[in-house]
N, C-alpha and C. Protein backbone atom coordinates (compact mmCIF):
# COMPACT_ATOMS: atom_id res chain seq x y z
N MET A 1 13.18 7.86 6.09
CA MET A 1 13.52 6.54 6.52
C MET A 1 12.38 5.59 6.16
N ILE A 2 12.74 4.45 5.61
CA ILE A 2 11.77 3.39 5.31
C ILE A 2 12.17 2.19 6.15
N ARG A 3 11.20 1.60 6.83
CA ARG A 3 11.49 0.43 7.66
C ARG A 3 10.27 -0.47 7.70
N ASP A 4 10.46 -1.69 8.23
CA ASP A 4 9.36 -2.61 8.41
C ASP A 4 8.40 -2.10 9.48
N TYR A 5 7.15 -2.48 9.33
CA TYR A 5 6.11 -2.17 10.31
C TYR A 5 6.45 -2.78 11.67
N ARG A 6 6.13 -2.04 12.73
CA ARG A 6 6.20 -2.54 14.10
C ARG A 6 4.85 -2.32 14.77
N LYS A 7 4.54 -3.15 15.74
CA LYS A 7 3.23 -3.11 16.40
C LYS A 7 2.85 -1.71 16.89
N GLU A 8 3.83 -0.95 17.38
CA GLU A 8 3.52 0.39 17.89
C GLU A 8 3.15 1.38 16.78
N ASP A 9 3.28 0.97 15.52
CA ASP A 9 2.91 1.82 14.39
C ASP A 9 1.41 1.78 14.09
N LEU A 10 0.69 0.84 14.71
CA LEU A 10 -0.72 0.64 14.36
C LEU A 10 -1.57 1.91 14.44
N PRO A 11 -1.47 2.74 15.47
CA PRO A 11 -2.30 3.96 15.47
C PRO A 11 -2.05 4.86 14.26
N ALA A 12 -0.81 5.00 13.84
CA ALA A 12 -0.50 5.84 12.68
C ALA A 12 -1.01 5.19 11.39
N VAL A 13 -0.90 3.87 11.28
CA VAL A 13 -1.40 3.16 10.10
C VAL A 13 -2.92 3.31 10.03
N LYS A 14 -3.59 3.15 11.17
CA LYS A 14 -5.05 3.34 11.20
C LYS A 14 -5.42 4.74 10.75
N TRP A 15 -4.70 5.75 11.26
CA TRP A 15 -5.00 7.14 10.90
C TRP A 15 -4.85 7.34 9.40
N LEU A 16 -3.74 6.88 8.82
CA LEU A 16 -3.52 7.04 7.38
C LEU A 16 -4.65 6.37 6.58
N MET A 17 -4.99 5.15 6.97
CA MET A 17 -6.02 4.42 6.22
C MET A 17 -7.39 5.08 6.35
N LEU A 18 -7.73 5.48 7.57
CA LEU A 18 -9.05 6.11 7.76
C LEU A 18 -9.11 7.51 7.18
N GLN A 19 -7.97 8.17 7.08
CA GLN A 19 -7.92 9.51 6.51
C GLN A 19 -8.09 9.49 4.99
N TYR A 20 -7.50 8.50 4.32
CA TYR A 20 -7.41 8.55 2.86
C TYR A 20 -8.22 7.48 2.12
N LEU A 21 -8.31 6.27 2.62
CA LEU A 21 -8.99 5.22 1.85
C LEU A 21 -10.50 5.41 1.70
N PRO A 22 -11.22 5.88 2.74
CA PRO A 22 -12.67 6.04 2.55
C PRO A 22 -13.07 7.04 1.47
N ARG A 23 -12.14 7.86 1.01
CA ARG A 23 -12.44 8.78 -0.09
C ARG A 23 -12.74 8.02 -1.38
N PHE A 24 -12.20 6.82 -1.49
CA PHE A 24 -12.30 6.07 -2.75
C PHE A 24 -12.89 4.68 -2.60
N TYR A 25 -12.98 4.17 -1.39
CA TYR A 25 -13.46 2.81 -1.18
C TYR A 25 -14.49 2.77 -0.08
N ASP A 26 -15.51 1.94 -0.27
CA ASP A 26 -16.55 1.74 0.72
C ASP A 26 -16.07 0.80 1.82
N ASP A 27 -16.72 0.86 2.95
CA ASP A 27 -16.55 -0.11 4.03
C ASP A 27 -15.14 -0.21 4.58
N ILE A 28 -14.41 0.90 4.63
CA ILE A 28 -13.09 0.90 5.26
C ILE A 28 -13.27 1.36 6.70
N ASP A 29 -12.85 0.51 7.62
CA ASP A 29 -12.89 0.87 9.03
C ASP A 29 -11.60 0.38 9.69
N GLU A 30 -11.53 0.49 11.01
CA GLU A 30 -10.30 0.11 11.72
C GLU A 30 -9.93 -1.35 11.51
N SER A 31 -10.92 -2.20 11.27
CA SER A 31 -10.62 -3.63 11.12
C SER A 31 -9.75 -3.89 9.89
N PHE A 32 -9.82 -3.04 8.87
CA PHE A 32 -9.00 -3.22 7.67
C PHE A 32 -7.52 -3.11 8.03
N SER A 33 -7.14 -2.04 8.74
CA SER A 33 -5.73 -1.87 9.12
C SER A 33 -5.30 -2.94 10.11
N GLU A 34 -6.19 -3.36 10.98
CA GLU A 34 -5.85 -4.39 11.96
C GLU A 34 -5.59 -5.73 11.30
N SER A 35 -6.43 -6.14 10.34
CA SER A 35 -6.21 -7.44 9.67
C SER A 35 -4.97 -7.40 8.79
N LEU A 36 -4.73 -6.29 8.15
CA LEU A 36 -3.56 -6.15 7.29
C LEU A 36 -2.26 -6.24 8.10
N THR A 37 -2.19 -5.51 9.20
CA THR A 37 -0.96 -5.53 10.01
C THR A 37 -0.81 -6.85 10.76
N GLU A 38 -1.91 -7.47 11.12
CA GLU A 38 -1.85 -8.79 11.76
C GLU A 38 -1.25 -9.83 10.80
N ALA A 39 -1.65 -9.78 9.54
CA ALA A 39 -1.08 -10.70 8.55
C ALA A 39 0.41 -10.45 8.37
N HIS A 40 0.83 -9.19 8.41
CA HIS A 40 2.26 -8.87 8.33
C HIS A 40 2.99 -9.50 9.51
N GLU A 41 2.44 -9.33 10.71
CA GLU A 41 3.09 -9.86 11.91
C GLU A 41 3.17 -11.38 11.90
N LYS A 42 2.12 -12.04 11.41
CA LYS A 42 2.10 -13.51 11.37
C LYS A 42 2.99 -14.06 10.26
N GLY A 43 3.20 -13.26 9.23
CA GLY A 43 3.98 -13.74 8.09
C GLY A 43 3.15 -14.45 7.05
N TYR A 44 1.85 -14.51 7.25
CA TYR A 44 0.94 -15.11 6.27
C TYR A 44 -0.43 -14.47 6.43
N ASP A 45 -1.26 -14.63 5.41
CA ASP A 45 -2.61 -14.07 5.44
C ASP A 45 -3.61 -15.19 5.68
N PRO A 46 -4.20 -15.27 6.88
CA PRO A 46 -5.12 -16.37 7.17
C PRO A 46 -6.42 -16.31 6.36
N TYR A 47 -6.70 -15.17 5.70
CA TYR A 47 -7.94 -15.03 4.95
C TYR A 47 -7.75 -15.04 3.44
N GLY A 48 -6.53 -15.04 2.98
CA GLY A 48 -6.29 -14.92 1.56
C GLY A 48 -5.91 -16.23 0.90
N TYR A 49 -6.77 -16.74 0.05
CA TYR A 49 -6.47 -18.00 -0.65
C TYR A 49 -5.31 -17.80 -1.63
N PHE A 50 -5.35 -16.72 -2.39
CA PHE A 50 -4.29 -16.47 -3.38
C PHE A 50 -3.11 -15.70 -2.78
N THR A 51 -3.30 -15.15 -1.58
CA THR A 51 -2.25 -14.39 -0.91
C THR A 51 -1.49 -15.31 0.03
N THR A 52 -0.19 -15.39 -0.15
CA THR A 52 0.61 -16.23 0.74
C THR A 52 1.17 -15.45 1.91
N ALA A 53 1.37 -14.14 1.75
CA ALA A 53 1.92 -13.32 2.83
C ALA A 53 1.61 -11.85 2.57
N LYS A 54 1.77 -11.06 3.61
CA LYS A 54 1.65 -9.60 3.49
C LYS A 54 2.90 -9.00 4.11
N HIS A 55 3.27 -7.83 3.59
CA HIS A 55 4.41 -7.10 4.14
C HIS A 55 4.03 -5.63 4.20
N VAL A 56 4.39 -4.96 5.29
CA VAL A 56 4.06 -3.55 5.47
C VAL A 56 5.35 -2.79 5.77
N TRP A 57 5.54 -1.70 5.03
CA TRP A 57 6.66 -0.79 5.28
C TRP A 57 6.11 0.54 5.79
N ILE A 58 6.89 1.18 6.62
CA ILE A 58 6.55 2.48 7.21
C ILE A 58 7.53 3.51 6.67
N ALA A 59 7.01 4.68 6.31
CA ALA A 59 7.86 5.81 5.89
C ALA A 59 7.80 6.85 6.99
N GLY A 60 8.97 7.29 7.42
CA GLY A 60 9.01 8.27 8.49
C GLY A 60 10.00 9.38 8.23
N ILE A 61 9.73 10.50 8.84
CA ILE A 61 10.65 11.63 8.87
C ILE A 61 10.88 11.93 10.34
N GLU A 62 12.13 11.76 10.75
CA GLU A 62 12.49 11.84 12.17
C GLU A 62 11.63 10.84 12.92
N ASP A 63 10.84 11.26 13.90
CA ASP A 63 10.02 10.32 14.67
C ASP A 63 8.57 10.25 14.19
N GLU A 64 8.26 10.91 13.09
CA GLU A 64 6.87 10.99 12.62
C GLU A 64 6.64 10.03 11.46
N ILE A 65 5.57 9.24 11.56
CA ILE A 65 5.16 8.35 10.47
C ILE A 65 4.36 9.19 9.48
N VAL A 66 4.83 9.24 8.23
CA VAL A 66 4.19 10.08 7.21
C VAL A 66 3.66 9.27 6.04
N GLY A 67 3.86 7.96 6.06
CA GLY A 67 3.35 7.13 4.97
C GLY A 67 3.54 5.66 5.27
N MET A 68 2.92 4.85 4.45
CA MET A 68 3.03 3.40 4.60
C MET A 68 2.68 2.74 3.28
N MET A 69 3.14 1.51 3.13
CA MET A 69 2.77 0.71 1.97
C MET A 69 2.63 -0.73 2.43
N SER A 70 1.57 -1.34 2.00
CA SER A 70 1.35 -2.76 2.26
C SER A 70 1.34 -3.48 0.92
N VAL A 71 1.90 -4.69 0.92
CA VAL A 71 1.83 -5.52 -0.28
C VAL A 71 1.33 -6.91 0.09
N SER A 72 0.66 -7.51 -0.86
CA SER A 72 0.23 -8.90 -0.74
C SER A 72 1.06 -9.71 -1.71
N ILE A 73 1.70 -10.75 -1.20
CA ILE A 73 2.50 -11.63 -2.05
C ILE A 73 1.57 -12.77 -2.46
N LYS A 74 1.41 -12.92 -3.74
CA LYS A 74 0.44 -13.86 -4.30
C LYS A 74 1.11 -15.16 -4.73
N ARG A 75 0.31 -16.20 -4.80
CA ARG A 75 0.79 -17.47 -5.36
C ARG A 75 1.27 -17.17 -6.78
N GLY A 76 2.36 -17.77 -7.19
CA GLY A 76 2.87 -17.54 -8.54
C GLY A 76 3.89 -16.41 -8.61
N GLY A 77 4.11 -15.70 -7.49
CA GLY A 77 5.17 -14.71 -7.46
C GLY A 77 4.79 -13.29 -7.80
N SER A 78 3.51 -12.99 -7.88
CA SER A 78 3.09 -11.60 -8.08
C SER A 78 3.03 -10.89 -6.74
N VAL A 79 3.19 -9.57 -6.77
CA VAL A 79 3.12 -8.75 -5.57
C VAL A 79 2.15 -7.61 -5.85
N LYS A 80 1.10 -7.52 -5.03
CA LYS A 80 0.10 -6.46 -5.21
C LYS A 80 0.28 -5.39 -4.15
N ILE A 81 0.45 -4.15 -4.60
CA ILE A 81 0.49 -3.01 -3.68
C ILE A 81 -0.94 -2.75 -3.23
N SER A 82 -1.14 -2.72 -1.92
CA SER A 82 -2.50 -2.59 -1.43
C SER A 82 -2.52 -2.17 0.03
N PRO A 83 -2.49 -0.92 0.33
CA PRO A 83 -2.33 0.29 -0.45
C PRO A 83 -0.95 0.93 -0.22
N ILE A 84 -0.71 2.03 -0.91
CA ILE A 84 0.40 2.93 -0.61
C ILE A 84 -0.25 4.27 -0.24
N LEU A 85 0.11 4.79 0.94
CA LEU A 85 -0.50 6.00 1.45
C LEU A 85 0.57 6.95 1.97
N ILE A 86 0.51 8.19 1.55
CA ILE A 86 1.41 9.23 2.03
C ILE A 86 0.55 10.37 2.56
N ASP A 87 0.86 10.84 3.75
CA ASP A 87 0.16 12.00 4.29
C ASP A 87 0.28 13.14 3.28
N GLU A 88 -0.83 13.78 2.93
CA GLU A 88 -0.83 14.82 1.90
C GLU A 88 0.19 15.93 2.18
N ALA A 89 0.46 16.19 3.44
CA ALA A 89 1.43 17.24 3.79
C ALA A 89 2.84 16.88 3.33
N TYR A 90 3.07 15.61 3.01
CA TYR A 90 4.41 15.15 2.62
C TYR A 90 4.47 14.64 1.18
N CYS A 91 3.39 14.78 0.44
CA CYS A 91 3.40 14.35 -0.97
C CYS A 91 4.37 15.22 -1.76
N GLY A 92 5.02 14.63 -2.75
CA GLY A 92 5.94 15.36 -3.60
C GLY A 92 7.34 15.49 -3.02
N LYS A 93 7.62 14.78 -1.93
CA LYS A 93 8.92 14.85 -1.28
C LYS A 93 9.75 13.58 -1.49
N GLY A 94 9.31 12.71 -2.41
CA GLY A 94 10.07 11.51 -2.73
C GLY A 94 9.80 10.31 -1.83
N ILE A 95 8.85 10.42 -0.92
CA ILE A 95 8.57 9.34 0.01
C ILE A 95 7.95 8.14 -0.71
N GLY A 96 6.99 8.40 -1.57
CA GLY A 96 6.37 7.31 -2.33
C GLY A 96 7.39 6.59 -3.20
N ARG A 97 8.25 7.34 -3.84
CA ARG A 97 9.30 6.73 -4.68
C ARG A 97 10.22 5.85 -3.83
N ARG A 98 10.57 6.31 -2.62
CA ARG A 98 11.43 5.50 -1.76
C ARG A 98 10.72 4.22 -1.32
N LEU A 99 9.42 4.30 -1.07
CA LEU A 99 8.67 3.09 -0.75
C LEU A 99 8.69 2.12 -1.93
N ILE A 100 8.46 2.63 -3.14
CA ILE A 100 8.48 1.77 -4.33
C ILE A 100 9.86 1.20 -4.55
N ASP A 101 10.91 1.98 -4.37
CA ASP A 101 12.28 1.47 -4.50
C ASP A 101 12.54 0.34 -3.51
N THR A 102 12.03 0.48 -2.28
CA THR A 102 12.16 -0.57 -1.28
C THR A 102 11.45 -1.83 -1.74
N LEU A 103 10.27 -1.66 -2.32
CA LEU A 103 9.52 -2.81 -2.84
C LEU A 103 10.27 -3.50 -3.97
N VAL A 104 10.82 -2.73 -4.89
CA VAL A 104 11.56 -3.32 -6.01
C VAL A 104 12.74 -4.14 -5.48
N GLN A 105 13.46 -3.62 -4.51
CA GLN A 105 14.57 -4.38 -3.91
C GLN A 105 14.06 -5.67 -3.27
N PHE A 106 12.93 -5.61 -2.58
CA PHE A 106 12.32 -6.78 -1.96
C PHE A 106 11.95 -7.83 -3.00
N VAL A 107 11.34 -7.37 -4.10
CA VAL A 107 10.93 -8.28 -5.18
C VAL A 107 12.15 -8.95 -5.80
N GLU A 108 13.19 -8.17 -6.07
CA GLU A 108 14.41 -8.74 -6.66
C GLU A 108 15.07 -9.73 -5.71
N LYS A 109 15.20 -9.36 -4.44
CA LYS A 109 15.85 -10.23 -3.45
C LYS A 109 15.11 -11.56 -3.29
N ASN A 110 13.78 -11.52 -3.38
CA ASN A 110 12.97 -12.72 -3.17
C ASN A 110 12.57 -13.41 -4.47
N HIS A 111 13.14 -12.96 -5.59
CA HIS A 111 12.93 -13.58 -6.90
C HIS A 111 11.44 -13.67 -7.26
N LEU A 112 10.72 -12.60 -6.97
CA LEU A 112 9.31 -12.51 -7.35
C LEU A 112 9.23 -11.97 -8.76
N ARG A 113 8.08 -12.11 -9.42
CA ARG A 113 8.08 -11.86 -10.86
C ARG A 113 7.44 -10.56 -11.32
N LYS A 114 6.48 -10.01 -10.59
CA LYS A 114 5.88 -8.76 -11.04
C LYS A 114 5.21 -8.04 -9.89
N ILE A 115 5.06 -6.73 -10.08
CA ILE A 115 4.38 -5.87 -9.11
C ILE A 115 3.17 -5.28 -9.82
N TYR A 116 2.04 -5.26 -9.12
CA TYR A 116 0.86 -4.62 -9.69
C TYR A 116 0.03 -4.00 -8.58
N CYS A 117 -0.93 -3.20 -8.97
CA CYS A 117 -1.85 -2.62 -8.00
C CYS A 117 -3.16 -2.27 -8.70
N THR A 118 -4.14 -2.00 -7.90
CA THR A 118 -5.39 -1.44 -8.40
C THR A 118 -5.56 -0.08 -7.74
N VAL A 119 -6.03 0.88 -8.51
CA VAL A 119 -6.23 2.24 -8.02
C VAL A 119 -7.60 2.70 -8.50
N ALA A 120 -8.38 3.26 -7.60
CA ALA A 120 -9.68 3.80 -7.98
C ALA A 120 -9.48 4.90 -9.03
N ILE A 121 -10.28 4.88 -10.07
CA ILE A 121 -10.14 5.83 -11.17
C ILE A 121 -10.27 7.27 -10.69
N GLN A 122 -11.00 7.49 -9.59
CA GLN A 122 -11.16 8.83 -9.04
C GLN A 122 -9.91 9.30 -8.30
N ASN A 123 -8.99 8.39 -8.01
CA ASN A 123 -7.80 8.72 -7.23
C ASN A 123 -6.71 9.25 -8.16
N VAL A 124 -6.94 10.45 -8.66
CA VAL A 124 -6.06 11.01 -9.69
C VAL A 124 -4.64 11.27 -9.17
N GLY A 125 -4.50 11.56 -7.88
CA GLY A 125 -3.17 11.78 -7.32
C GLY A 125 -2.31 10.53 -7.39
N THR A 126 -2.87 9.40 -7.02
CA THR A 126 -2.12 8.14 -7.06
C THR A 126 -1.87 7.72 -8.50
N LEU A 127 -2.84 7.91 -9.37
CA LEU A 127 -2.63 7.58 -10.79
C LEU A 127 -1.50 8.43 -11.36
N ALA A 128 -1.47 9.71 -11.02
CA ALA A 128 -0.39 10.58 -11.51
C ALA A 128 0.96 10.16 -10.94
N PHE A 129 0.99 9.73 -9.68
CA PHE A 129 2.22 9.24 -9.06
C PHE A 129 2.78 8.06 -9.85
N PHE A 130 1.93 7.08 -10.12
CA PHE A 130 2.40 5.91 -10.87
C PHE A 130 2.78 6.27 -12.30
N ASP A 131 2.09 7.23 -12.88
CA ASP A 131 2.45 7.68 -14.23
C ASP A 131 3.84 8.31 -14.23
N ARG A 132 4.15 9.12 -13.21
CA ARG A 132 5.50 9.72 -13.10
C ARG A 132 6.58 8.66 -12.96
N LEU A 133 6.23 7.51 -12.41
CA LEU A 133 7.20 6.42 -12.27
C LEU A 133 7.27 5.57 -13.54
N SER A 134 6.53 5.97 -14.58
CA SER A 134 6.48 5.24 -15.85
C SER A 134 5.91 3.83 -15.67
N VAL A 135 4.93 3.71 -14.78
CA VAL A 135 4.25 2.44 -14.58
C VAL A 135 3.36 2.16 -15.78
N LEU A 136 3.37 0.93 -16.23
CA LEU A 136 2.50 0.50 -17.33
C LEU A 136 1.10 0.26 -16.78
N PHE A 137 0.13 0.95 -17.34
CA PHE A 137 -1.26 0.73 -16.96
C PHE A 137 -1.82 -0.38 -17.85
N ALA A 138 -2.07 -1.53 -17.26
CA ALA A 138 -2.59 -2.65 -18.03
C ALA A 138 -4.05 -2.43 -18.41
N LYS A 139 -4.80 -1.83 -17.51
CA LYS A 139 -6.21 -1.61 -17.78
C LYS A 139 -6.73 -0.56 -16.81
N VAL A 140 -7.53 0.34 -17.29
CA VAL A 140 -8.17 1.34 -16.45
C VAL A 140 -9.66 1.02 -16.45
N ILE A 141 -10.20 0.80 -15.25
CA ILE A 141 -11.61 0.49 -15.10
C ILE A 141 -12.23 1.43 -14.11
N SER A 142 -13.55 1.51 -14.13
CA SER A 142 -14.21 2.35 -13.13
C SER A 142 -14.17 1.65 -11.79
N SER A 143 -14.34 2.40 -10.74
CA SER A 143 -14.23 1.90 -9.37
C SER A 143 -15.40 1.00 -9.02
N ASN A 144 -15.14 0.07 -8.10
CA ASN A 144 -16.20 -0.75 -7.52
C ASN A 144 -16.94 0.02 -6.45
N SER A 145 -16.38 1.12 -6.03
CA SER A 145 -16.92 1.90 -4.93
C SER A 145 -18.10 2.73 -5.39
N THR A 146 -18.93 3.08 -4.43
CA THR A 146 -20.03 4.00 -4.72
C THR A 146 -19.57 5.45 -4.57
N LYS A 147 -18.30 5.64 -4.17
CA LYS A 147 -17.77 6.99 -4.01
C LYS A 147 -17.60 7.61 -5.40
N THR A 148 -18.01 8.86 -5.55
CA THR A 148 -17.94 9.49 -6.86
C THR A 148 -17.35 10.89 -6.79
N GLU A 149 -16.36 11.09 -5.93
CA GLU A 149 -15.75 12.43 -5.82
C GLU A 149 -15.16 12.87 -7.13
């Protein structure tokens, strides 16, 4: 099941972000998930000059949250995935694809023009996921992070 974020999802979103993002990015703490979900709830991003809104989807199996995806809607109609996270125990079960399909429907419905994301070069699992979806890689750069796993 894919659905919009609800306030009671915050503990699971925090867990996903703290479990997976610090592997590839510096300075990720609880405030990251809090500001992201707050922007979703408000319908706009009070800190983003180029970001007009954020949207968060939750992926669940029965009553368990197993993944999430946040997007930033940018001026000019671009949509940035930031981030998409699936609990490793559920990878390979089509959850990420269903999140992306939901995003594509959202982009088409709202007449937005493109979807993009940035992925740390060390995050080979996510890069392979996007490759399986036949995503065009515009540019591959090294990470800004000091993480070197």
